[in-house]
Amino acid sequence: MPDSSSDFSHLDAAGGARMVNVGHKPEQQRTAKAEGWLRCRPETISALRARALPKGDVLTVAQIAAIQAAKRTDELIPLCHSLPLNVVEVEFDIEDTAIHIRSSVSMTGKTGVEMEALTAVSVAALTLYDMCKAVDKTMQIDGIRVTEKIKQ
């Protein structure tokens, strides 16, 4: 097990949790992208496409929830920095048995935005799950991951 702060940036020399000091880092344009899936029955996808789900326009609600969550990641994940995000984009691809969720988050700052991109995808998936659970008890959230990090 590592025993110094050089091994893990969120641990101090004694192994305690700490917030990383990014004060010395230069301001840079940073973008992170993430993706994930909500796997569901074909009948659920059909109802979604027909806008026939009991809770209405689930994609718009999930998109708004994802954007709000990305903006508040620091309140959800301990030790995350509060970040002035420039943009949060959330897109959905409706597949035969899944909803593919993608997010892109950008800002100019001293630390990355991958946690915000992951949070956006996660909360979009959770929102879709919540809004579809009355018609599909088989749904699974799957494959949430960072797909790209850009620092300029």
Protein backbone atom coordinates (compact mmCIF):
# COMPACT_ATOMS: atom_id res chain seq x y z
CA MET A 1 0.00 0.00 0.00
CA PRO A 2 1.40 3.44 -0.91
CA ASP A 3 2.59 5.48 2.03
CA SER A 4 3.19 8.94 0.60
CA SER A 5 1.19 11.72 -0.99
CA SER A 6 3.21 11.31 -4.20
CA ASP A 7 1.52 7.95 -4.84
CA PHE A 8 -2.08 9.14 -4.56
CA SER A 9 -2.84 12.83 -4.86
CA HIS A 10 -5.90 12.65 -2.57
CA LEU A 11 -3.92 11.12 0.33
CA ASP A 12 -1.57 12.92 2.67
CA ALA A 13 1.68 11.37 3.97
CA ALA A 14 -0.22 9.62 6.79
CA GLY A 15 -2.80 8.16 4.39
CA GLY A 16 -5.55 10.63 5.31
CA ALA A 17 -7.87 12.20 2.77
CA ARG A 18 -7.07 15.66 1.46
CA MET A 19 -8.16 18.00 -1.27
CA VAL A 20 -5.50 18.38 -3.94
CA ASN A 21 -3.94 21.85 -4.16
CA VAL A 22 -4.23 22.97 -7.79
CA GLY A 23 -3.19 26.57 -7.10
CA HIS A 24 0.16 26.20 -8.86
CA LYS A 25 -1.33 24.73 -12.05
CA PRO A 26 -1.86 26.89 -15.15
CA GLU A 27 -5.34 27.74 -16.42
CA GLN A 28 -6.09 25.55 -19.43
CA GLN A 29 -9.07 24.71 -21.61
CA ARG A 30 -10.23 21.31 -20.40
CA THR A 31 -12.81 18.95 -21.84
CA ALA A 32 -13.90 15.50 -20.73
CA LYS A 33 -16.32 13.12 -22.38
CA ALA A 34 -18.08 10.14 -20.85
CA GLU A 35 -20.62 7.53 -21.85
CA GLY A 36 -22.87 4.86 -20.42
CA TRP A 37 -25.96 2.84 -21.23
CA LEU A 38 -29.36 2.14 -19.78
CA ARG A 39 -30.21 -1.36 -21.00
CA CYS A 40 -33.92 -2.09 -21.25
CA ARG A 41 -36.55 -4.16 -23.02
CA PRO A 42 -37.44 -3.41 -26.66
CA GLU A 43 -40.97 -2.55 -25.52
CA THR A 44 -39.57 0.19 -23.30
CA ILE A 45 -37.64 1.62 -26.24
CA SER A 46 -40.81 1.56 -28.35
CA ALA A 47 -42.75 3.43 -25.68
CA LEU A 48 -39.93 5.95 -25.37
CA ARG A 49 -39.88 6.57 -29.12
CA ALA A 50 -43.67 6.99 -29.15
CA ARG A 51 -43.46 9.32 -26.13
CA ALA A 52 -45.91 6.96 -24.47
CA LEU A 53 -44.17 6.48 -21.12
CA PRO A 54 -46.27 7.40 -18.07
CA LYS A 55 -43.87 10.14 -16.94
CA GLY A 56 -43.75 12.01 -20.25
CA ASP A 57 -40.68 13.30 -22.08
CA VAL A 58 -38.08 11.34 -20.16
CA LEU A 59 -35.14 12.33 -22.35
CA THR A 60 -35.59 16.05 -21.75
CA VAL A 61 -35.95 15.53 -18.01
CA ALA A 62 -32.85 13.30 -17.95
CA GLN A 63 -30.86 15.87 -19.94
CA ILE A 64 -31.74 18.66 -17.51
CA ALA A 65 -30.98 16.44 -14.51
CA ALA A 66 -27.58 15.54 -16.01
CA ILE A 67 -26.64 19.17 -16.59
CA GLN A 68 -27.70 20.17 -13.08
CA ALA A 69 -25.76 17.27 -11.57
CA ALA A 70 -22.57 18.09 -13.49
CA LYS A 71 -22.75 21.65 -12.17
CA ARG A 72 -23.01 20.32 -8.60
CA THR A 73 -20.48 17.49 -8.71
CA ASP A 74 -18.46 19.08 -5.91
CA GLU A 75 -21.49 18.69 -3.62
CA LEU A 76 -21.80 15.00 -4.46
CA ILE A 77 -18.21 13.76 -4.59
CA PRO A 78 -16.00 14.52 -1.58
CA LEU A 79 -12.79 16.44 -2.32
CA CYS A 80 -13.88 17.56 -5.81
CA HIS A 81 -13.19 21.20 -6.61
CA SER A 82 -16.01 23.63 -7.38
CA LEU A 83 -15.63 24.34 -11.08
CA PRO A 84 -17.02 27.13 -13.27
CA LEU A 85 -18.22 24.98 -16.16
CA ASN A 86 -18.51 26.61 -19.57
CA VAL A 87 -20.76 23.98 -21.10
CA VAL A 88 -22.35 20.61 -20.35
CA GLU A 89 -23.72 18.71 -23.32
CA VAL A 90 -25.75 15.52 -22.98
CA GLU A 91 -26.90 13.37 -25.89
CA PHE A 92 -28.90 10.18 -26.17
CA ASP A 93 -28.82 7.54 -28.89
CA ILE A 94 -31.81 5.26 -28.79
CA GLU A 95 -30.76 1.71 -29.68
CA ASP A 96 -32.93 -1.41 -29.97
CA THR A 97 -32.43 -2.47 -26.34
CA ALA A 98 -30.60 0.45 -24.76
CA ILE A 99 -30.25 4.18 -24.44
CA HIS A 100 -26.65 5.23 -25.08
CA ILE A 101 -25.87 8.32 -22.98
CA ARG A 102 -22.96 10.62 -23.81
CA SER A 103 -21.77 13.78 -22.10
CA SER A 104 -19.17 16.41 -22.85
CA VAL A 105 -18.09 18.96 -20.23
CA SER A 106 -15.74 21.90 -20.84
CA MET A 107 -14.22 24.74 -18.86
CA THR A 108 -11.10 26.81 -18.47
CA GLY A 109 -9.38 26.04 -15.19
CA LYS A 110 -6.68 24.29 -13.22
CA THR A 111 -8.19 20.83 -12.89
CA GLY A 112 -10.00 18.36 -15.11
CA VAL A 113 -13.71 17.85 -15.61
CA GLU A 114 -13.91 14.07 -15.94
CA MET A 115 -15.86 13.71 -12.67
CA GLU A 116 -18.43 16.19 -14.00
CA ALA A 117 -18.76 14.25 -17.27
CA LEU A 118 -19.17 10.97 -15.37
CA THR A 119 -21.69 12.54 -13.01
CA ALA A 120 -23.74 13.82 -15.95
CA VAL A 121 -23.94 10.36 -17.52
CA SER A 122 -24.66 8.68 -14.18
CA VAL A 123 -27.48 11.03 -13.23
CA ALA A 124 -28.98 10.87 -16.73
CA ALA A 125 -29.02 7.06 -16.43
CA LEU A 126 -30.53 7.19 -12.94
CA THR A 127 -33.19 9.65 -14.06
CA LEU A 128 -34.13 7.51 -17.05
CA TYR A 129 -34.24 4.45 -14.79
CA ASP A 130 -36.53 6.25 -12.36
CA MET A 131 -38.84 7.47 -15.09
CA CYS A 132 -39.08 4.07 -16.83
CA LYS A 133 -39.14 1.70 -13.86
CA ALA A 134 -42.94 1.51 -13.84
CA VAL A 135 -42.88 -0.21 -17.24
CA ASP A 136 -39.58 -2.11 -17.11
CA LYS A 137 -38.24 -3.94 -14.05
CA THR A 138 -35.32 -5.45 -16.01
CA MET A 139 -33.32 -2.28 -16.73
CA GLN A 140 -29.60 -2.14 -16.05
CA ILE A 141 -27.18 0.78 -15.95
CA ASP A 142 -23.98 -0.29 -17.66
CA GLY A 143 -20.58 0.76 -18.94
CA ILE A 144 -20.18 4.25 -17.49
CA ARG A 145 -16.69 5.44 -18.35
CA VAL A 146 -14.56 8.39 -19.44
CA THR A 147 -13.99 8.25 -23.20
CA GLU A 148 -11.81 11.30 -23.70
CA LYS A 149 -9.85 13.96 -21.79
CA ILE A 150 -8.46 17.00 -23.56
CA LYS A 151 -6.20 19.66 -22.05
CA GLN A 152 -5.08 22.61 -24.16
